[in-house]
Amino acid sequence: MLAADQLPEDVFGAPVIHPELAIQAYSIGLFPMSDDRDDNNVHWVDPIERGILPLDDFHIPRRLKRTVTRGPYEVRCNTAVEAVIRLCAADKLGREDTWISEPIVEMYLNLFDMGHLHTVECWRGDRLVGGLYGVAVEGAFFGESMFSVERDASKIALVELVARLKVGGFWLLDCQFMNRHLEQFGAVSLHRVAFRKLLDKATAVTAAFPETLTARERAQFLQSRSQTSKTGCSMALSAGDEANIQPWNTASGSFSAGTS
């Protein structure tokens, strides 16, 4: 279990979210949140119920599948990482506040440098119109947030993400908290104990995130998906009522992992 004395300090003496410590936290089922964008305290969240999107049972709504096939946007990966993260947190997109604070943004950028964070981006010309990002630890991918400023852009990014996870050999797509929109794509809720068992299996698998897909890989993935008409999706951004939240106060350097 993680301990406070493992927390490193930067050259100015202030505690930081060390990326290697973050990977350890993700690997045991924790993920970070702050109360708002100006909060320097990071809470490591350990929900009693965890939402996942089963990769083999991922559903694509019929209309969305036609849209993906038509290809209204250029899809890129890992080309605008900080822009995706900040657009996911932007209040101009209708959010009054966000759990993505500056310490968390810095952590994500460090994880990207280490090869653990990936983005899927939708572009119209030179304009970034939608996307998502998440953290990869071996065969587990932890979906963090998504945004869209044009129709279906974030949904297309989600489809493209799942296609890459399937091609790359991933076993688990974590979506943190369940909601009715996620259910439309086949998401299910697992108890913390069941989730951790699945996470243990996923992190024992070696997977690689492919930044590009061949036309054949994309076509095969789309052909393999359900034709059931379902609509809507949104990565969860806030804790459920039963979430077990333990504070890591970056002023004190304390870190505490939740227990069942």
C-alpha atoms as a PDB file:
ATOM      1  CA  MET A   1       0.000   0.000   0.000  1.00  0.00           C
ATOM      2  CA  LEU A   2       1.181   3.523  -0.729  1.00  0.00           C
ATOM      3  CA  ALA A   3       2.668   5.443   2.187  1.00  0.00           C
ATOM      4  CA  ALA A   4       3.184   9.137   2.850  1.00  0.00           C
ATOM      5  CA  ASP A   5       6.964   8.730   3.033  1.00  0.00           C
ATOM      6  CA  GLN A   6       6.935   7.631  -0.618  1.00  0.00           C
ATOM      7  CA  LEU A   7       5.766  11.077  -1.698  1.00  0.00           C
ATOM      8  CA  PRO A   8       8.631  12.913  -3.434  1.00  0.00           C
ATOM      9  CA  GLU A   9       9.216  16.653  -3.305  1.00  0.00           C
ATOM     10  CA  ASP A  10      10.215  18.942  -6.129  1.00  0.00           C
ATOM     11  CA  VAL A  11      13.230  21.218  -6.048  1.00  0.00           C
ATOM     12  CA  PHE A  12      11.249  23.933  -4.262  1.00  0.00           C
ATOM     13  CA  GLY A  13      10.303  21.611  -1.422  1.00  0.00           C
ATOM     14  CA  ALA A  14       6.587  21.441  -2.288  1.00  0.00           C
ATOM     15  CA  PRO A  15       4.947  18.027  -2.634  1.00  0.00           C
ATOM     16  CA  VAL A  16       4.045  17.026  -6.187  1.00  0.00           C
ATOM     17  CA  ILE A  17       1.979  14.235  -7.730  1.00  0.00           C
ATOM     18  CA  HIS A  18       4.831  12.073  -8.852  1.00  0.00           C
ATOM     19  CA  PRO A  19       3.795  10.152 -11.995  1.00  0.00           C
ATOM     20  CA  GLU A  20       5.226   6.860 -10.790  1.00  0.00           C
ATOM     21  CA  LEU A  21       3.200   7.179  -7.592  1.00  0.00           C
ATOM     22  CA  ALA A  22       0.126   7.945  -9.702  1.00  0.00           C
ATOM     23  CA  ILE A  23       0.622   4.763 -11.733  1.00  0.00           C
ATOM     24  CA  GLN A  24       0.767   2.755  -8.501  1.00  0.00           C
ATOM     25  CA  ALA A  25      -2.485   4.374  -7.390  1.00  0.00           C
ATOM     26  CA  TYR A  26      -4.235   3.602 -10.701  1.00  0.00           C
ATOM     27  CA  SER A  27      -3.002   0.016 -10.572  1.00  0.00           C
ATOM     28  CA  ILE A  28      -4.852  -0.590  -7.280  1.00  0.00           C
ATOM     29  CA  GLY A  29      -8.046   1.088  -8.461  1.00  0.00           C
ATOM     30  CA  LEU A  30      -7.689   4.713  -7.322  1.00  0.00           C
ATOM     31  CA  PHE A  31      -8.066   7.808  -9.478  1.00  0.00           C
ATOM     32  CA  PRO A  32      -7.512  11.522  -8.696  1.00  0.00           C
ATOM     33  CA  MET A  33      -9.989  14.382  -8.374  1.00  0.00           C
ATOM     34  CA  SER A  34      -9.900  17.896  -6.917  1.00  0.00           C
ATOM     35  CA  ASP A  35     -12.871  19.823  -5.561  1.00  0.00           C
ATOM     36  CA  ASP A  36     -12.426  22.541  -8.209  1.00  0.00           C
ATOM     37  CA  ARG A  37      -9.862  23.906 -10.652  1.00  0.00           C
ATOM     38  CA  ASP A  38      -8.271  26.152  -8.012  1.00  0.00           C
ATOM     39  CA  ASP A  39      -7.957  23.440  -5.369  1.00  0.00           C
ATOM     40  CA  ASN A  40      -4.403  22.226  -4.792  1.00  0.00           C
ATOM     41  CA  ASN A  41      -5.638  19.268  -2.758  1.00  0.00           C
ATOM     42  CA  VAL A  42      -6.035  15.997  -4.640  1.00  0.00           C
ATOM     43  CA  HIS A  43      -8.493  13.316  -3.546  1.00  0.00           C
ATOM     44  CA  TRP A  44      -7.798   9.730  -4.546  1.00  0.00           C
ATOM     45  CA  VAL A  45     -11.200   8.185  -5.175  1.00  0.00           C
ATOM     46  CA  ASP A  46     -12.096   4.535  -4.585  1.00  0.00           C
ATOM     47  CA  PRO A  47     -15.807   4.053  -5.443  1.00  0.00           C
ATOM     48  CA  ILE A  48     -17.779   1.187  -3.953  1.00  0.00           C
ATOM     49  CA  GLU A  49     -19.449   0.734  -7.367  1.00  0.00           C
ATOM     50  CA  ARG A  50     -17.292   1.112 -10.476  1.00  0.00           C
ATOM     51  CA  GLY A  51     -18.459   1.628 -14.046  1.00  0.00           C
ATOM     52  CA  ILE A  52     -16.719  -0.154 -16.905  1.00  0.00           C
ATOM     53  CA  LEU A  53     -17.320  -0.462 -20.630  1.00  0.00           C
ATOM     54  CA  PRO A  54     -16.786  -4.134 -21.563  1.00  0.00           C
ATOM     55  CA  LEU A  55     -14.676  -4.064 -24.702  1.00  0.00           C
ATOM     56  CA  ASP A  56     -16.244  -7.189 -26.198  1.00  0.00           C
ATOM     57  CA  ASP A  57     -19.794  -5.905 -25.640  1.00  0.00           C
ATOM     58  CA  PHE A  58     -19.349  -2.275 -26.619  1.00  0.00           C
ATOM     59  CA  HIS A  59     -22.451  -1.052 -28.478  1.00  0.00           C
ATOM     60  CA  ILE A  60     -22.482   1.575 -31.205  1.00  0.00           C
ATOM     61  CA  PRO A  61     -25.834   3.249 -31.913  1.00  0.00           C
ATOM     62  CA  ARG A  62     -26.972   2.703 -35.487  1.00  0.00           C
ATOM     63  CA  ARG A  63     -26.943   6.405 -36.407  1.00  0.00           C
ATOM     64  CA  LEU A  64     -23.553   6.933 -34.795  1.00  0.00           C
ATOM     65  CA  LYS A  65     -22.140   3.942 -36.644  1.00  0.00           C
ATOM     66  CA  ARG A  66     -23.187   5.505 -39.952  1.00  0.00           C
ATOM     67  CA  THR A  67     -21.578   8.774 -38.863  1.00  0.00           C
ATOM     68  CA  VAL A  68     -18.309   7.070 -37.921  1.00  0.00           C
ATOM     69  CA  THR A  69     -18.268   5.254 -41.262  1.00  0.00           C
ATOM     70  CA  ARG A  70     -18.822   8.552 -43.088  1.00  0.00           C
ATOM     71  CA  GLY A  71     -15.860  10.082 -41.245  1.00  0.00           C
ATOM     72  CA  PRO A  72     -16.845  13.736 -40.721  1.00  0.00           C
ATOM     73  CA  TYR A  73     -13.670  14.458 -38.740  1.00  0.00           C
ATOM     74  CA  GLU A  74     -10.015  13.618 -39.005  1.00  0.00           C
ATOM     75  CA  VAL A  75      -9.083  11.430 -36.041  1.00  0.00           C
ATOM     76  CA  ARG A  76      -5.645  11.855 -34.511  1.00  0.00           C
ATOM     77  CA  CYS A  77      -4.059  10.561 -31.325  1.00  0.00           C
ATOM     78  CA  ASN A  78      -1.605  12.198 -28.947  1.00  0.00           C
ATOM     79  CA  THR A  79      -1.074  15.349 -31.024  1.00  0.00           C
ATOM     80  CA  ALA A  80      -2.738  17.947 -28.769  1.00  0.00           C
ATOM     81  CA  VAL A  81      -2.568  16.459 -25.300  1.00  0.00           C
ATOM     82  CA  GLU A  82      -2.651  19.579 -23.155  1.00  0.00           C
ATOM     83  CA  ALA A  83      -5.334  21.163 -25.345  1.00  0.00           C
ATOM     84  CA  VAL A  84      -7.595  18.112 -24.920  1.00  0.00           C
ATOM     85  CA  ILE A  85      -7.143  18.081 -21.146  1.00  0.00           C
ATOM     86  CA  ARG A  86      -7.834  21.799 -20.794  1.00  0.00           C
ATOM     87  CA  LEU A  87     -10.842  21.705 -23.121  1.00  0.00           C
ATOM     88  CA  CYS A  88     -12.263  18.880 -21.004  1.00  0.00           C
ATOM     89  CA  ALA A  89     -12.042  21.261 -18.038  1.00  0.00           C
ATOM     90  CA  ALA A  90     -13.105  24.435 -19.830  1.00  0.00           C
ATOM     91  CA  ASP A  91     -16.040  26.296 -18.265  1.00  0.00           C
ATOM     92  CA  LYS A  92     -16.932  27.746 -21.674  1.00  0.00           C
ATOM     93  CA  LEU A  93     -18.290  24.308 -22.578  1.00  0.00           C
ATOM     94  CA  GLY A  94     -21.060  24.654 -20.014  1.00  0.00           C
ATOM     95  CA  ARG A  95     -19.219  23.454 -16.913  1.00  0.00           C
ATOM     96  CA  GLU A  96     -19.335  25.799 -13.950  1.00  0.00           C
ATOM     97  CA  ASP A  97     -16.359  24.032 -12.431  1.00  0.00           C
ATOM     98  CA  THR A  98     -14.114  21.039 -12.866  1.00  0.00           C
ATOM     99  CA  TRP A  99     -12.251  18.448 -10.850  1.00  0.00           C
ATOM    100  CA  ILE A 100      -9.220  18.910 -13.134  1.00  0.00           C
ATOM    101  CA  SER A 101      -6.910  21.154 -11.114  1.00  0.00           C
ATOM    102  CA  GLU A 102      -3.438  22.337 -12.083  1.00  0.00           C
ATOM    103  CA  PRO A 103      -1.647  19.624 -10.031  1.00  0.00           C
ATOM    104  CA  ILE A 104      -3.724  17.023 -11.866  1.00  0.00           C
ATOM    105  CA  VAL A 105      -3.017  18.607 -15.270  1.00  0.00           C
ATOM    106  CA  GLU A 106       0.703  18.538 -14.479  1.00  0.00           C
ATOM    107  CA  MET A 107       0.428  14.898 -13.441  1.00  0.00           C
ATOM    108  CA  TYR A 108      -1.332  14.013 -16.707  1.00  0.00           C
ATOM    109  CA  LEU A 109       1.334  15.731 -18.799  1.00  0.00           C
ATOM    110  CA  ASN A 110       4.042  13.832 -16.943  1.00  0.00           C
ATOM    111  CA  LEU A 111       2.165  10.576 -17.518  1.00  0.00           C
ATOM    112  CA  PHE A 112       2.017  11.403 -21.231  1.00  0.00           C
ATOM    113  CA  ASP A 113       5.780  11.921 -21.274  1.00  0.00           C
ATOM    114  CA  MET A 114       6.115   8.462 -19.723  1.00  0.00           C
ATOM    115  CA  GLY A 115       3.823   6.908 -22.356  1.00  0.00           C
ATOM    116  CA  HIS A 116       0.930   6.254 -19.954  1.00  0.00           C
ATOM    117  CA  LEU A 117      -1.561   8.903 -21.113  1.00  0.00           C
ATOM    118  CA  HIS A 118      -3.244   8.991 -24.512  1.00  0.00           C
ATOM    119  CA  THR A 119      -5.680  11.237 -26.310  1.00  0.00           C
ATOM    120  CA  VAL A 120      -8.099  10.571 -29.142  1.00  0.00           C
ATOM    121  CA  GLU A 121      -8.861  13.781 -31.012  1.00  0.00           C
ATOM    122  CA  CYS A 122     -11.403  14.833 -33.644  1.00  0.00           C
ATOM    123  CA  TRP A 123     -10.269  17.602 -35.976  1.00  0.00           C
ATOM    124  CA  ARG A 124     -12.077  19.670 -38.600  1.00  0.00           C
ATOM    125  CA  GLY A 125      -9.252  21.160 -40.581  1.00  0.00           C
ATOM    126  CA  ASP A 126      -6.956  22.853 -38.095  1.00  0.00           C
ATOM    127  CA  ARG A 127      -9.660  23.075 -35.388  1.00  0.00           C
ATOM    128  CA  LEU A 128      -9.882  20.623 -32.499  1.00  0.00           C
ATOM    129  CA  VAL A 129     -13.614  19.926 -32.124  1.00  0.00           C
ATOM    130  CA  GLY A 130     -13.768  16.975 -29.738  1.00  0.00           C
ATOM    131  CA  GLY A 131     -11.788  14.324 -27.956  1.00  0.00           C
ATOM    132  CA  LEU A 132     -10.997  12.390 -24.850  1.00  0.00           C
ATOM    133  CA  TYR A 133      -8.048  11.253 -22.797  1.00  0.00           C
ATOM    134  CA  GLY A 134      -7.195   8.485 -20.372  1.00  0.00           C
ATOM    135  CA  VAL A 135      -4.419   6.657 -18.564  1.00  0.00           C
ATOM    136  CA  ALA A 136      -3.039   3.300 -19.701  1.00  0.00           C
ATOM    137  CA  VAL A 137      -1.477   0.837 -17.269  1.00  0.00           C
ATOM    138  CA  GLU A 138      -0.591  -2.428 -19.023  1.00  0.00           C
ATOM    139  CA  GLY A 139      -3.903  -3.889 -20.280  1.00  0.00           C
ATOM    140  CA  ALA A 140      -6.128  -1.414 -18.395  1.00  0.00           C
ATOM    141  CA  PHE A 141      -7.260   1.937 -19.774  1.00  0.00           C
ATOM    142  CA  PHE A 142      -8.775   4.468 -17.376  1.00  0.00           C
ATOM    143  CA  GLY A 143     -11.093   6.860 -19.230  1.00  0.00           C
ATOM    144  CA  GLU A 144     -10.848  10.277 -17.604  1.00  0.00           C
ATOM    145  CA  SER A 145     -12.829  12.905 -19.506  1.00  0.00           C
ATOM    146  CA  MET A 146     -14.134  13.963 -22.910  1.00  0.00           C
ATOM    147  CA  PHE A 147     -15.378  17.110 -24.629  1.00  0.00           C
ATOM    148  CA  SER A 148     -17.195  18.081 -27.786  1.00  0.00           C
ATOM    149  CA  VAL A 149     -17.869  21.370 -29.537  1.00  0.00           C
ATOM    150  CA  GLU A 150     -19.367  19.809 -32.674  1.00  0.00           C
ATOM    151  CA  ARG A 151     -22.011  17.129 -33.133  1.00  0.00           C
ATOM    152  CA  ASP A 152     -20.948  13.600 -32.177  1.00  0.00           C
ATOM    153  CA  ALA A 153     -17.245  14.504 -31.893  1.00  0.00           C
ATOM    154  CA  SER A 154     -16.749  13.033 -28.415  1.00  0.00           C
ATOM    155  CA  LYS A 155     -18.843   9.968 -29.297  1.00  0.00           C
ATOM    156  CA  ILE A 156     -16.743   9.334 -32.392  1.00  0.00           C
ATOM    157  CA  ALA A 157     -13.622   9.700 -30.239  1.00  0.00           C
ATOM    158  CA  LEU A 158     -15.021   7.053 -27.882  1.00  0.00           C
ATOM    159  CA  VAL A 159     -15.662   4.622 -30.745  1.00  0.00           C
ATOM    160  CA  GLU A 160     -12.160   5.232 -32.066  1.00  0.00           C
ATOM    161  CA  LEU A 161     -10.749   4.682 -28.576  1.00  0.00           C
ATOM    162  CA  VAL A 162     -12.464   1.313 -28.160  1.00  0.00           C
ATOM    163  CA  ALA A 163     -11.292   0.221 -31.608  1.00  0.00           C
ATOM    164  CA  ARG A 164      -7.701   1.018 -30.633  1.00  0.00           C
ATOM    165  CA  LEU A 165      -7.994  -0.731 -27.282  1.00  0.00           C
ATOM    166  CA  LYS A 166      -9.260  -3.859 -29.027  1.00  0.00           C
ATOM    167  CA  VAL A 167      -6.468  -3.791 -31.598  1.00  0.00           C
ATOM    168  CA  GLY A 168      -3.873  -3.005 -28.919  1.00  0.00           C
ATOM    169  CA  GLY A 169      -4.798  -5.963 -26.707  1.00  0.00           C
ATOM    170  CA  PHE A 170      -6.371  -4.116 -23.777  1.00  0.00           C
ATOM    171  CA  TRP A 171      -8.701  -5.990 -21.414  1.00  0.00           C
ATOM    172  CA  LEU A 172     -10.360  -3.241 -19.410  1.00  0.00           C
ATOM    173  CA  LEU A 173     -11.896   0.176 -20.077  1.00  0.00           C
ATOM    174  CA  ASP A 174     -12.705   1.884 -16.788  1.00  0.00           C
ATOM    175  CA  CYS A 175     -15.258   4.709 -16.915  1.00  0.00           C
ATOM    176  CA  GLN A 176     -15.269   5.393 -13.159  1.00  0.00           C
ATOM    177  CA  PHE A 177     -18.933   6.073 -12.387  1.00  0.00           C
ATOM    178  CA  MET A 178     -22.061   4.742 -14.056  1.00  0.00           C
ATOM    179  CA  ASN A 179     -24.736   6.893 -15.638  1.00  0.00           C
ATOM    180  CA  ARG A 180     -27.602   6.254 -18.032  1.00  0.00           C
ATOM    181  CA  HIS A 181     -25.620   7.513 -21.004  1.00  0.00           C
ATOM    182  CA  LEU A 182     -22.842   5.010 -20.441  1.00  0.00           C
ATOM    183  CA  GLU A 183     -25.415   2.243 -20.178  1.00  0.00           C
ATOM    184  CA  GLN A 184     -26.446   2.991 -23.757  1.00  0.00           C
ATOM    185  CA  PHE A 185     -22.993   1.891 -24.890  1.00  0.00           C
ATOM    186  CA  GLY A 186     -23.069  -1.313 -22.859  1.00  0.00           C
ATOM    187  CA  ALA A 187     -21.487  -0.074 -19.637  1.00  0.00           C
ATOM    188  CA  VAL A 188     -22.005  -2.124 -16.493  1.00  0.00           C
ATOM    189  CA  SER A 189     -21.462  -1.494 -12.804  1.00  0.00           C
ATOM    190  CA  LEU A 190     -19.162  -3.682 -10.729  1.00  0.00           C
ATOM    191  CA  HIS A 191     -18.628  -3.813  -6.995  1.00  0.00           C
ATOM    192  CA  ARG A 192     -15.208  -2.618  -5.912  1.00  0.00           C
ATOM    193  CA  VAL A 193     -14.069  -6.166  -5.130  1.00  0.00           C
ATOM    194  CA  ALA A 194     -15.059  -7.492  -8.566  1.00  0.00           C
ATOM    195  CA  PHE A 195     -13.488  -4.490 -10.258  1.00  0.00           C
ATOM    196  CA  ARG A 196     -10.187  -5.020  -8.474  1.00  0.00           C
ATOM    197  CA  LYS A 197     -10.105  -8.650  -9.548  1.00  0.00           C
ATOM    198  CA  LEU A 198     -10.655  -7.616 -13.143  1.00  0.00           C
ATOM    199  CA  LEU A 199      -8.067  -4.860 -12.776  1.00  0.00           C
ATOM    200  CA  ASP A 200      -5.504  -7.352 -11.463  1.00  0.00           C
ATOM    201  CA  LYS A 201      -6.006  -9.482 -14.568  1.00  0.00           C
ATOM    202  CA  ALA A 202      -5.826  -6.500 -16.898  1.00  0.00           C
ATOM    203  CA  THR A 203      -2.623  -5.121 -15.398  1.00  0.00           C
ATOM    204  CA  ALA A 204      -0.991  -8.536 -15.848  1.00  0.00           C
ATOM    205  CA  VAL A 205      -1.515  -8.237 -19.627  1.00  0.00           C
ATOM    206  CA  THR A 206       0.911  -6.427 -21.899  1.00  0.00           C
ATOM    207  CA  ALA A 207      -0.907  -4.065 -24.265  1.00  0.00           C
ATOM    208  CA  ALA A 208       0.129  -1.251 -26.579  1.00  0.00           C
ATOM    209  CA  PHE A 209      -1.956   1.759 -27.588  1.00  0.00           C
ATOM    210  CA  PRO A 210      -1.967   2.132 -31.405  1.00  0.00           C
ATOM    211  CA  GLU A 211      -2.069   5.756 -32.473  1.00  0.00           C
ATOM    212  CA  THR A 212      -3.376   4.825 -35.921  1.00  0.00           C
ATOM    213  CA  LEU A 213      -5.669   2.162 -37.339  1.00  0.00           C
ATOM    214  CA  THR A 214      -5.631   0.727 -40.818  1.00  0.00           C
ATOM    215  CA  ALA A 215      -8.807   0.985 -42.871  1.00  0.00           C
ATOM    216  CA  ARG A 216      -9.145  -2.786 -42.529  1.00  0.00           C
ATOM    217  CA  GLU A 217      -8.826  -2.696 -38.721  1.00  0.00           C
ATOM    218  CA  ARG A 218     -11.444   0.041 -38.420  1.00  0.00           C
ATOM    219  CA  ALA A 219     -13.846  -1.735 -40.806  1.00  0.00           C
ATOM    220  CA  GLN A 220     -13.474  -5.041 -38.974  1.00  0.00           C
ATOM    221  CA  PHE A 221     -14.143  -3.365 -35.647  1.00  0.00           C
ATOM    222  CA  LEU A 222     -17.281  -1.615 -36.895  1.00  0.00           C
ATOM    223  CA  GLN A 223     -18.571  -4.822 -38.456  1.00  0.00           C
ATOM    224  CA  SER A 224     -18.136  -6.639 -35.153  1.00  0.00           C
ATOM    225  CA  ARG A 225     -20.266  -4.175 -33.172  1.00  0.00           C
ATOM    226  CA  SER A 226     -23.923  -4.534 -32.246  1.00  0.00           C
ATOM    227  CA  GLN A 227     -26.510  -2.989 -34.551  1.00  0.00           C
ATOM    228  CA  THR A 228     -28.793  -2.152 -31.593  1.00  0.00           C
ATOM    229  CA  SER A 229     -29.953   1.442 -31.726  1.00  0.00           C
ATOM    230  CA  LYS A 230     -28.691   3.228 -28.619  1.00  0.00           C
ATOM    231  CA  THR A 231     -27.767   6.835 -28.060  1.00  0.00           C
ATOM    232  CA  GLY A 232     -25.602   9.052 -25.915  1.00  0.00           C
ATOM    233  CA  CYS A 233     -22.456   8.783 -23.839  1.00  0.00           C
ATOM    234  CA  SER A 234     -20.530  10.857 -21.351  1.00  0.00           C
ATOM    235  CA  MET A 235     -17.541   9.962 -19.239  1.00  0.00           C
ATOM    236  CA  ALA A 236     -18.433  10.410 -15.584  1.00  0.00           C
ATOM    237  CA  LEU A 237     -16.878  13.454 -13.985  1.00  0.00           C
ATOM    238  CA  SER A 238     -18.164  13.460 -10.405  1.00  0.00           C
ATOM    239  CA  ALA A 239     -18.170  11.081  -7.477  1.00  0.00           C
ATOM    240  CA  GLY A 240     -21.192   8.968  -6.634  1.00  0.00           C
ATOM    241  CA  ASP A 241     -22.853   9.133  -3.241  1.00  0.00           C
ATOM    242  CA  GLU A 242     -21.078   6.000  -2.052  1.00  0.00           C
ATOM    243  CA  ALA A 243     -17.608   6.901  -3.283  1.00  0.00           C
ATOM    244  CA  ASN A 244     -14.863   6.415  -0.728  1.00  0.00           C
ATOM    245  CA  ILE A 245     -12.771   9.582  -1.055  1.00  0.00           C
ATOM    246  CA  GLN A 246      -9.505   9.999   0.781  1.00  0.00           C
ATOM    247  CA  PRO A 247      -7.723  13.361   0.693  1.00  0.00           C
ATOM    248  CA  TRP A 248      -4.128  13.880  -0.278  1.00  0.00           C
ATOM    249  CA  ASN A 249      -3.450  17.399   0.971  1.00  0.00           C
ATOM    250  CA  THR A 250      -0.616  18.728  -1.141  1.00  0.00           C
ATOM    251  CA  ALA A 251       0.179  21.220   1.562  1.00  0.00           C
ATOM    252  CA  SER A 252       0.951  18.491   4.064  1.00  0.00           C
ATOM    253  CA  GLY A 253       2.113  15.777   1.689  1.00  0.00           C
ATOM    254  CA  SER A 254      -0.166  13.137   3.218  1.00  0.00           C
ATOM    255  CA  PHE A 255      -1.554  10.320   1.117  1.00  0.00           C
ATOM    256  CA  SER A 256      -4.178   7.845   2.252  1.00  0.00           C
ATOM    257  CA  ALA A 257      -5.668   5.045   0.196  1.00  0.00           C
ATOM    258  CA  GLY A 258      -9.306   4.071   0.734  1.00  0.00           C
ATOM    259  CA  THR A 259     -10.174   0.669   2.159  1.00  0.00           C
ATOM    260  CA  SER A 260     -13.217  -1.507   1.643  1.00  0.00           C
END
